[in-house]
Amino acid sequence: MMMRPKKRSLTLRGHRTSVSLEDAFWDEFCRIAQEKKRPINDLAAEIDAQRGLDCGLASAIRLYVLSDLKKV
């Protein structure tokens, strides 16, 4: 069963924002950041800068996590 998304606070280039992500995506996102030895806010800012205008930040993070998991 999929849990409802939770609001998560981030700071992107000095600006506070929030994303709604399910625990499973958030946990994997944190694992990726730790594996890359990068702060979660820096990785989120990089994803934010690369996403298109037709994709929200939460969706872009989910796609990033999915892409990382598919590499295995």
N, C-alpha and C. Protein backbone atom coordinates (compact mmCIF):
# COMPACT_ATOMS: atom_id res chain seq x y z
N MET A 1 0.84 -1.17 0.00
CA MET A 1 0.00 0.00 0.00
C MET A 1 0.89 1.24 0.00
N MET A 2 0.54 2.22 -0.82
CA MET A 2 1.31 3.45 -0.95
C MET A 2 0.84 4.46 0.10
N MET A 3 1.80 5.05 0.77
CA MET A 3 1.49 6.07 1.78
C MET A 3 1.27 7.42 1.09
N ARG A 4 0.53 8.27 1.73
CA ARG A 4 0.30 9.62 1.21
C ARG A 4 1.59 10.42 1.27
N PRO A 5 1.78 11.33 0.33
CA PRO A 5 2.98 12.18 0.36
C PRO A 5 2.99 13.06 1.62
N LYS A 6 4.20 13.34 2.09
CA LYS A 6 4.40 14.26 3.22
C LYS A 6 5.15 15.47 2.71
N LYS A 7 4.84 16.63 3.28
CA LYS A 7 5.58 17.84 2.92
C LYS A 7 6.97 17.79 3.53
N ARG A 8 7.97 18.08 2.69
CA ARG A 8 9.37 18.11 3.12
C ARG A 8 9.92 19.50 2.81
N SER A 9 10.63 20.09 3.73
CA SER A 9 11.20 21.42 3.55
C SER A 9 12.60 21.33 2.96
N LEU A 10 12.87 22.19 1.99
CA LEU A 10 14.18 22.28 1.36
C LEU A 10 14.56 23.75 1.23
N THR A 11 15.85 24.00 1.09
CA THR A 11 16.33 25.34 0.78
C THR A 11 17.11 25.25 -0.52
N LEU A 12 16.60 25.92 -1.55
CA LEU A 12 17.23 25.91 -2.87
C LEU A 12 17.78 27.29 -3.17
N ARG A 13 19.10 27.36 -3.25
CA ARG A 13 19.78 28.63 -3.54
C ARG A 13 19.29 29.76 -2.63
N GLY A 14 19.19 29.45 -1.35
CA GLY A 14 18.82 30.45 -0.36
C GLY A 14 17.33 30.69 -0.18
N HIS A 15 16.49 29.98 -0.91
CA HIS A 15 15.04 30.16 -0.82
C HIS A 15 14.39 28.89 -0.27
N ARG A 16 13.54 29.06 0.74
CA ARG A 16 12.83 27.93 1.32
C ARG A 16 11.70 27.50 0.40
N THR A 17 11.54 26.20 0.27
CA THR A 17 10.43 25.64 -0.49
C THR A 17 10.07 24.31 0.12
N SER A 18 9.00 23.73 -0.34
CA SER A 18 8.63 22.41 0.14
C SER A 18 8.19 21.54 -1.02
N VAL A 19 8.36 20.25 -0.84
CA VAL A 19 7.90 19.27 -1.82
C VAL A 19 7.10 18.21 -1.07
N SER A 20 6.14 17.64 -1.73
CA SER A 20 5.36 16.55 -1.14
C SER A 20 5.83 15.24 -1.76
N LEU A 21 6.46 14.42 -0.94
CA LEU A 21 6.99 13.14 -1.40
C LEU A 21 6.60 12.02 -0.44
N GLU A 22 6.38 10.86 -0.99
CA GLU A 22 6.13 9.67 -0.19
C GLU A 22 7.44 9.28 0.52
N ASP A 23 7.30 8.60 1.66
CA ASP A 23 8.47 8.19 2.44
C ASP A 23 9.47 7.40 1.60
N ALA A 24 8.99 6.49 0.76
CA ALA A 24 9.89 5.65 -0.03
C ALA A 24 10.76 6.49 -0.95
N PHE A 25 10.18 7.50 -1.61
CA PHE A 25 10.97 8.36 -2.49
C PHE A 25 11.92 9.24 -1.70
N TRP A 26 11.45 9.78 -0.58
CA TRP A 26 12.30 10.63 0.25
C TRP A 26 13.49 9.85 0.79
N ASP A 27 13.22 8.64 1.28
CA ASP A 27 14.30 7.81 1.82
C ASP A 27 15.35 7.50 0.76
N GLU A 28 14.91 7.14 -0.45
CA GLU A 28 15.86 6.86 -1.53
C GLU A 28 16.61 8.12 -1.96
N PHE A 29 15.93 9.24 -1.98
CA PHE A 29 16.57 10.52 -2.33
C PHE A 29 17.67 10.84 -1.32
N CYS A 30 17.38 10.66 -0.04
CA CYS A 30 18.39 10.89 1.01
C CYS A 30 19.56 9.92 0.87
N ARG A 31 19.26 8.66 0.54
CA ARG A 31 20.31 7.67 0.34
C ARG A 31 21.22 8.06 -0.81
N ILE A 32 20.64 8.52 -1.91
CA ILE A 32 21.42 8.94 -3.07
C ILE A 32 22.33 10.11 -2.70
N ALA A 33 21.77 11.10 -1.99
CA ALA A 33 22.57 12.27 -1.58
C ALA A 33 23.73 11.83 -0.69
N GLN A 34 23.46 10.93 0.23
CA GLN A 34 24.51 10.44 1.13
C GLN A 34 25.57 9.68 0.34
N GLU A 35 25.13 8.84 -0.58
CA GLU A 35 26.05 8.06 -1.41
C GLU A 35 26.96 8.97 -2.24
N LYS A 36 26.39 10.08 -2.72
CA LYS A 36 27.16 11.04 -3.53
C LYS A 36 27.92 12.04 -2.66
N LYS A 37 27.75 11.91 -1.33
CA LYS A 37 28.38 12.84 -0.37
C LYS A 37 28.01 14.29 -0.68
N ARG A 38 26.71 14.50 -0.90
CA ARG A 38 26.19 15.83 -1.21
C ARG A 38 25.05 16.17 -0.27
N PRO A 39 24.98 17.41 0.17
CA PRO A 39 23.83 17.82 0.98
C PRO A 39 22.53 17.68 0.16
N ILE A 40 21.48 17.28 0.83
CA ILE A 40 20.20 17.06 0.17
C ILE A 40 19.72 18.32 -0.55
N ASN A 41 19.96 19.50 0.05
CA ASN A 41 19.52 20.75 -0.57
C ASN A 41 20.28 21.03 -1.87
N ASP A 42 21.56 20.70 -1.90
CA ASP A 42 22.35 20.91 -3.12
C ASP A 42 21.88 20.00 -4.25
N LEU A 43 21.62 18.75 -3.92
CA LEU A 43 21.14 17.82 -4.94
C LEU A 43 19.76 18.24 -5.44
N ALA A 44 18.90 18.67 -4.54
CA ALA A 44 17.57 19.15 -4.94
C ALA A 44 17.69 20.39 -5.83
N ALA A 45 18.61 21.29 -5.52
CA ALA A 45 18.81 22.50 -6.33
C ALA A 45 19.29 22.13 -7.73
N GLU A 46 20.16 21.12 -7.83
CA GLU A 46 20.64 20.67 -9.14
C GLU A 46 19.48 20.10 -9.97
N ILE A 47 18.66 19.27 -9.35
CA ILE A 47 17.50 18.70 -10.02
C ILE A 47 16.54 19.80 -10.44
N ASP A 48 16.33 20.77 -9.56
CA ASP A 48 15.44 21.90 -9.86
C ASP A 48 15.93 22.67 -11.07
N ALA A 49 17.23 22.91 -11.16
CA ALA A 49 17.80 23.68 -12.26
C ALA A 49 17.68 22.93 -13.59
N GLN A 50 17.66 21.60 -13.54
CA GLN A 50 17.63 20.81 -14.77
C GLN A 50 16.23 20.42 -15.23
N ARG A 51 15.23 20.60 -14.37
CA ARG A 51 13.88 20.15 -14.74
C ARG A 51 13.25 21.12 -15.73
N GLY A 52 12.35 20.61 -16.50
CA GLY A 52 11.62 21.45 -17.44
C GLY A 52 10.48 22.17 -16.76
N LEU A 53 9.91 23.11 -17.46
CA LEU A 53 8.81 23.89 -16.90
C LEU A 53 7.53 23.07 -16.76
N ASP A 54 7.45 21.95 -17.47
CA ASP A 54 6.26 21.12 -17.42
C ASP A 54 6.31 20.06 -16.32
N CYS A 55 7.33 20.13 -15.47
CA CYS A 55 7.52 19.13 -14.43
C CYS A 55 7.76 19.83 -13.09
N GLY A 56 6.97 19.48 -12.08
CA GLY A 56 7.17 20.06 -10.76
C GLY A 56 8.39 19.45 -10.08
N LEU A 57 8.86 20.09 -9.04
CA LEU A 57 10.05 19.62 -8.35
C LEU A 57 9.86 18.23 -7.75
N ALA A 58 8.72 17.97 -7.12
CA ALA A 58 8.48 16.65 -6.53
C ALA A 58 8.53 15.57 -7.61
N SER A 59 7.91 15.82 -8.75
CA SER A 59 7.95 14.85 -9.84
C SER A 59 9.36 14.67 -10.37
N ALA A 60 10.11 15.75 -10.46
CA ALA A 60 11.49 15.67 -10.94
C ALA A 60 12.34 14.84 -9.98
N ILE A 61 12.12 14.98 -8.68
CA ILE A 61 12.86 14.18 -7.70
C ILE A 61 12.47 12.71 -7.83
N ARG A 62 11.18 12.43 -7.99
CA ARG A 62 10.75 11.04 -8.19
C ARG A 62 11.41 10.42 -9.42
N LEU A 63 11.45 11.16 -10.51
CA LEU A 63 12.08 10.66 -11.74
C LEU A 63 13.58 10.46 -11.55
N TYR A 64 14.22 11.34 -10.81
CA TYR A 64 15.65 11.22 -10.51
C TYR A 64 15.90 9.94 -9.71
N VAL A 65 15.09 9.71 -8.69
CA VAL A 65 15.22 8.51 -7.87
C VAL A 65 15.00 7.26 -8.73
N LEU A 66 13.95 7.27 -9.54
CA LEU A 66 13.67 6.13 -10.41
C LEU A 66 14.84 5.85 -11.35
N SER A 67 15.39 6.90 -11.94
CA SER A 67 16.52 6.75 -12.84
C SER A 67 17.71 6.13 -12.11
N ASP A 68 17.97 6.58 -10.89
CA ASP A 68 19.07 6.03 -10.11
C ASP A 68 18.86 4.55 -9.80
N LEU A 69 17.64 4.19 -9.44
CA LEU A 69 17.34 2.81 -9.10
C LEU A 69 17.43 1.89 -10.31
N LYS A 70 17.13 2.42 -11.48
CA LYS A 70 17.19 1.61 -12.70
C LYS A 70 18.62 1.32 -13.13
N LYS A 71 19.59 2.07 -12.62
CA LYS A 71 21.00 1.84 -12.94
C LYS A 71 21.52 0.56 -12.33
N VAL A 72 20.91 0.10 -11.26
CA VAL A 72 21.39 -1.07 -10.51
C VAL A 72 21.21 -2.34 -11.30
